Structures are given as structure tokens and as C-alpha cells.
Amino acid sequence: MTEASRSTAWSSPEIPSQGEANPPLATAVRELFSGLRAGAADVADLVAAEAHLALRLVVAMTVSAIGAMVLGVFGLAGLAAAVAAELIAQGISASMAIAVVGLLCLVGSLLLIFQLRGLSRRVLFGYSRDHLRGKH
């Protein structure tokens, strides 16, 4: 090997220029913010997908609850009709049987109203907010 070929073979690789080794500060900041923006967009997409799923779940639960309520009302109406029919079969007039069933429905309604009123007074909304904020 000649001296010229040896010096080329064993010479160190070319040192990159200053612009290639260290990008300018503006480029680095731009890349950082574009990465942050892409990360924030990904998080926003995930949150939107979770919110959409939660909304569908709430709608399904609401429809199921309303359906259960309607079926419950029909069941209570059937029970009331059976009680009225039994009272009529025992010799009580139809108007008196309807009045007894209406009174039973009124008492049941009042019991539920008072139960819900008690539940609403027991809920500690202020404590719940503080607990969620981590103050307790």
C-alpha cells in the first residue's frame, strides 16, 4: 500500500459541520413542540373515545332504567287490578274496590317520596366535592 492510500484508509471519519451536529435552537424547540402537540392530540383522541363510550353506556343504562320502570308500572297496575278483582269477588262494590286500590297506591307513593327525601338529605355534596379534590 502506498503512503497516500494508508493515510486515507486509517484517517478518522469526516467530522460533521457545526450545523449538522447541533441543530439550531429554533429547530429543536419546534420539534419539541410538535412532539408535545402530537402527544396532546393523541391524549385528546383517547379522551374523546372514552367520552363517547361513556355516553353510549349512559344512554343504554337510561333506556334500560326507563324500560324497567315501565314494566314495573305495568306490574303494579296488574297487581292493583288483581286486588280490585278479588275485592269485587268478595262482594265489595266496584267503586269501593277502586278506591281501596287508589288508597294503596297513594300510600305507596308517599312512602317512596319520604324515602327519597331522606336519601337526598343524607347525601353530603360538600364532603363529596372536597373528597374528590383530595382535601380529606
C-alpha atoms as a PDB file:
ATOM      1  CA  MET A   1       0.000   0.000   0.000  1.00  0.00           C
ATOM      2  CA  THR A   2       1.218   3.376  -0.724  1.00  0.00           C
ATOM      3  CA  GLU A   3       1.531   6.120   1.796  1.00  0.00           C
ATOM      4  CA  ALA A   4      -1.382   8.041   0.305  1.00  0.00           C
ATOM      5  CA  SER A   5      -3.737   5.050   0.429  1.00  0.00           C
ATOM      6  CA  ARG A   6      -2.741   4.261   4.041  1.00  0.00           C
ATOM      7  CA  SER A   7      -3.493   7.741   5.201  1.00  0.00           C
ATOM      8  CA  THR A   8      -6.907   7.628   3.579  1.00  0.00           C
ATOM      9  CA  ALA A   9      -7.715   4.169   4.970  1.00  0.00           C
ATOM     10  CA  TRP A  10      -6.742   4.976   8.555  1.00  0.00           C
ATOM     11  CA  SER A  11      -7.953   8.539   8.694  1.00  0.00           C
ATOM     12  CA  SER A  12     -10.799   9.361  11.002  1.00  0.00           C
ATOM     13  CA  PRO A  13     -14.241   9.813   9.506  1.00  0.00           C
ATOM     14  CA  GLU A  14     -15.240  13.239   8.481  1.00  0.00           C
ATOM     15  CA  ILE A  15     -16.340  15.439  11.319  1.00  0.00           C
ATOM     16  CA  PRO A  16     -19.792  16.820  10.603  1.00  0.00           C
ATOM     17  CA  SER A  17     -20.119  20.510  10.342  1.00  0.00           C
ATOM     18  CA  GLN A  18     -21.481  22.505  13.266  1.00  0.00           C
ATOM     19  CA  GLY A  19     -24.938  22.822  11.626  1.00  0.00           C
ATOM     20  CA  GLU A  20     -25.331  19.055  11.192  1.00  0.00           C
ATOM     21  CA  ALA A  21     -24.143  18.038  14.669  1.00  0.00           C
ATOM     22  CA  ASN A  22     -26.187  20.501  16.713  1.00  0.00           C
ATOM     23  CA  PRO A  23     -29.379  21.737  15.094  1.00  0.00           C
ATOM     24  CA  PRO A  24     -30.196  25.330  15.760  1.00  0.00           C
ATOM     25  CA  LEU A  25     -32.191  26.065  18.894  1.00  0.00           C
ATOM     26  CA  ALA A  26     -35.266  27.105  16.941  1.00  0.00           C
ATOM     27  CA  THR A  27     -35.405  23.769  15.131  1.00  0.00           C
ATOM     28  CA  ALA A  28     -35.034  21.835  18.368  1.00  0.00           C
ATOM     29  CA  VAL A  29     -37.775  23.856  20.052  1.00  0.00           C
ATOM     30  CA  ARG A  30     -40.031  23.408  17.013  1.00  0.00           C
ATOM     31  CA  GLU A  31     -39.502  19.643  17.089  1.00  0.00           C
ATOM     32  CA  LEU A  32     -40.167  19.565  20.831  1.00  0.00           C
ATOM     33  CA  PHE A  33     -43.420  21.455  20.494  1.00  0.00           C
ATOM     34  CA  SER A  34     -44.539  19.364  17.519  1.00  0.00           C
ATOM     35  CA  GLY A  35     -43.925  16.247  19.618  1.00  0.00           C
ATOM     36  CA  LEU A  36     -45.869  17.737  22.521  1.00  0.00           C
ATOM     37  CA  ARG A  37     -48.672  18.755  20.178  1.00  0.00           C
ATOM     38  CA  ALA A  38     -48.833  15.237  18.727  1.00  0.00           C
ATOM     39  CA  GLY A  39     -48.894  13.757  22.244  1.00  0.00           C
ATOM     40  CA  ALA A  40     -51.662  16.138  23.292  1.00  0.00           C
ATOM     41  CA  ALA A  41     -53.638  15.238  20.160  1.00  0.00           C
ATOM     42  CA  ASP A  42     -53.276  11.541  20.974  1.00  0.00           C
ATOM     43  CA  VAL A  43     -54.473  12.135  24.537  1.00  0.00           C
ATOM     44  CA  ALA A  44     -57.396  14.211  23.257  1.00  0.00           C
ATOM     45  CA  ASP A  45     -58.358  11.410  20.857  1.00  0.00           C
ATOM     46  CA  LEU A  46     -58.263   8.875  23.700  1.00  0.00           C
ATOM     47  CA  VAL A  47     -60.355  11.123  25.938  1.00  0.00           C
ATOM     48  CA  ALA A  48     -62.878  11.669  23.148  1.00  0.00           C
ATOM     49  CA  ALA A  49     -63.140   7.923  22.544  1.00  0.00           C
ATOM     50  CA  GLU A  50     -63.626   7.264  26.276  1.00  0.00           C
ATOM     51  CA  ALA A  51     -66.236  10.018  26.484  1.00  0.00           C
ATOM     52  CA  HIS A  52     -68.090   8.580  23.503  1.00  0.00           C
ATOM     53  CA  LEU A  53     -68.065   5.131  25.090  1.00  0.00           C
ATOM     54  CA  ALA A  54     -69.244   6.566  28.411  1.00  0.00           C
ATOM     55  CA  LEU A  55     -72.066   8.431  26.663  1.00  0.00           C
ATOM     56  CA  ARG A  56     -73.213   5.263  24.917  1.00  0.00           C
ATOM     57  CA  LEU A  57     -73.114   3.442  28.245  1.00  0.00           C
ATOM     58  CA  VAL A  58     -75.180   6.148  29.963  1.00  0.00           C
ATOM     59  CA  VAL A  59     -77.739   6.102  27.148  1.00  0.00           C
ATOM     60  CA  ALA A  60     -78.023   2.314  27.350  1.00  0.00           C
ATOM     61  CA  MET A  61     -78.394   2.456  31.132  1.00  0.00           C
ATOM     62  CA  THR A  62     -81.044   5.178  30.875  1.00  0.00           C
ATOM     63  CA  VAL A  63     -83.039   3.254  28.271  1.00  0.00           C
ATOM     64  CA  SER A  64     -82.826   0.109  30.414  1.00  0.00           C
ATOM     65  CA  ALA A  65     -83.914   2.008  33.533  1.00  0.00           C
ATOM     66  CA  ILE A  66     -86.884   3.547  31.741  1.00  0.00           C
ATOM     67  CA  GLY A  67     -87.864   0.157  30.335  1.00  0.00           C
ATOM     68  CA  ALA A  68     -87.638  -1.391  33.799  1.00  0.00           C
ATOM     69  CA  MET A  69     -89.738   1.441  35.205  1.00  0.00           C
ATOM     70  CA  VAL A  70     -92.435   0.988  32.556  1.00  0.00           C
ATOM     71  CA  LEU A  71     -92.543  -2.760  33.158  1.00  0.00           C
ATOM     72  CA  GLY A  72     -92.696  -2.131  36.909  1.00  0.00           C
ATOM     73  CA  VAL A  73     -95.627   0.223  36.461  1.00  0.00           C
ATOM     74  CA  PHE A  74     -97.425  -2.381  34.341  1.00  0.00           C
ATOM     75  CA  GLY A  75     -96.724  -4.981  37.024  1.00  0.00           C
ATOM     76  CA  LEU A  76     -98.119  -2.744  39.744  1.00  0.00           C
ATOM     77  CA  ALA A  77    -101.152  -1.957  37.596  1.00  0.00           C
ATOM     78  CA  GLY A  78    -101.748  -5.701  37.117  1.00  0.00           C
ATOM     79  CA  LEU A  79    -101.392  -6.263  40.860  1.00  0.00           C
ATOM     80  CA  ALA A  80    -103.823  -3.427  41.548  1.00  0.00           C
ATOM     81  CA  ALA A  81    -106.293  -4.898  39.042  1.00  0.00           C
ATOM     82  CA  ALA A  82    -105.967  -8.308  40.718  1.00  0.00           C
ATOM     83  CA  VAL A  83    -106.632  -6.766  44.153  1.00  0.00           C
ATOM     84  CA  ALA A  84    -109.638  -4.885  42.783  1.00  0.00           C
ATOM     85  CA  ALA A  85    -110.986  -8.053  41.132  1.00  0.00           C
ATOM     86  CA  GLU A  86    -110.560 -10.003  44.385  1.00  0.00           C
ATOM     87  CA  LEU A  87    -112.365  -7.296  46.357  1.00  0.00           C
ATOM     88  CA  ILE A  88    -115.225  -7.301  43.848  1.00  0.00           C
ATOM     89  CA  ALA A  89    -115.382 -11.113  44.027  1.00  0.00           C
ATOM     90  CA  GLN A  90    -115.753 -10.856  47.817  1.00  0.00           C
ATOM     91  CA  GLY A  91    -118.827  -8.674  47.393  1.00  0.00           C
ATOM     92  CA  ILE A  92    -117.420  -5.127  47.649  1.00  0.00           C
ATOM     93  CA  SER A  93    -118.725  -2.674  45.076  1.00  0.00           C
ATOM     94  CA  ALA A  94    -116.515  -1.769  42.113  1.00  0.00           C
ATOM     95  CA  SER A  95    -116.217   1.868  43.161  1.00  0.00           C
ATOM     96  CA  MET A  96    -115.120   0.868  46.678  1.00  0.00           C
ATOM     97  CA  ALA A  97    -112.556  -1.611  45.240  1.00  0.00           C
ATOM     98  CA  ILE A  98    -111.125   1.131  43.006  1.00  0.00           C
ATOM     99  CA  ALA A  99    -110.968   3.492  45.987  1.00  0.00           C
ATOM    100  CA  VAL A 100    -109.098   0.887  48.076  1.00  0.00           C
ATOM    101  CA  VAL A 101    -106.587   0.259  45.273  1.00  0.00           C
ATOM    102  CA  GLY A 102    -106.161   4.016  44.781  1.00  0.00           C
ATOM    103  CA  LEU A 103    -105.546   4.461  48.501  1.00  0.00           C
ATOM    104  CA  LEU A 104    -102.931   1.670  48.449  1.00  0.00           C
ATOM    105  CA  CYS A 105    -101.187   3.379  45.516  1.00  0.00           C
ATOM    106  CA  LEU A 106    -101.266   6.723  47.338  1.00  0.00           C
ATOM    107  CA  VAL A 107     -99.727   5.215  50.489  1.00  0.00           C
ATOM    108  CA  GLY A 108     -97.014   3.508  48.435  1.00  0.00           C
ATOM    109  CA  SER A 109     -96.280   6.760  46.633  1.00  0.00           C
ATOM    110  CA  LEU A 110     -95.969   8.690  49.889  1.00  0.00           C
ATOM    111  CA  LEU A 111     -93.634   6.057  51.342  1.00  0.00           C
ATOM    112  CA  LEU A 112     -91.380   6.329  48.307  1.00  0.00           C
ATOM    113  CA  ILE A 113     -91.417  10.131  48.434  1.00  0.00           C
ATOM    114  CA  PHE A 114     -90.389  10.163  52.089  1.00  0.00           C
ATOM    115  CA  GLN A 115     -87.679   7.574  51.447  1.00  0.00           C
ATOM    116  CA  LEU A 116     -86.227   9.651  48.601  1.00  0.00           C
ATOM    117  CA  ARG A 117     -86.452  12.801  50.704  1.00  0.00           C
ATOM    118  CA  GLY A 118     -84.460  11.096  53.453  1.00  0.00           C
ATOM    119  CA  LEU A 119     -81.864   9.894  50.956  1.00  0.00           C
ATOM    120  CA  SER A 120     -81.461  13.353  49.486  1.00  0.00           C
ATOM    121  CA  ARG A 121     -80.863  14.864  52.925  1.00  0.00           C
ATOM    122  CA  ARG A 122     -78.265  12.223  53.751  1.00  0.00           C
ATOM    123  CA  VAL A 123     -76.096  12.970  50.715  1.00  0.00           C
ATOM    124  CA  LEU A 124     -73.185  15.200  51.656  1.00  0.00           C
ATOM    125  CA  PHE A 125     -72.453  17.041  48.432  1.00  0.00           C
ATOM    126  CA  GLY A 126     -69.894  19.354  50.022  1.00  0.00           C
ATOM    127  CA  TYR A 127     -68.000  16.434  51.510  1.00  0.00           C
ATOM    128  CA  SER A 128     -68.068  14.624  48.160  1.00  0.00           C
ATOM    129  CA  ARG A 129     -66.575  17.624  46.353  1.00  0.00           C
ATOM    130  CA  ASP A 130     -63.864  18.044  48.980  1.00  0.00           C
ATOM    131  CA  HIS A 131     -63.100  14.339  48.900  1.00  0.00           C
ATOM    132  CA  LEU A 132     -62.730  14.388  45.120  1.00  0.00           C
ATOM    133  CA  ARG A 133     -60.406  17.388  45.359  1.00  0.00           C
ATOM    134  CA  GLY A 134     -58.230  15.479  47.810  1.00  0.00           C
ATOM    135  CA  LYS A 135     -58.790  17.716  50.821  1.00  0.00           C
ATOM    136  CA  HIS A 136     -59.717  14.809  53.105  1.00  0.00           C
END
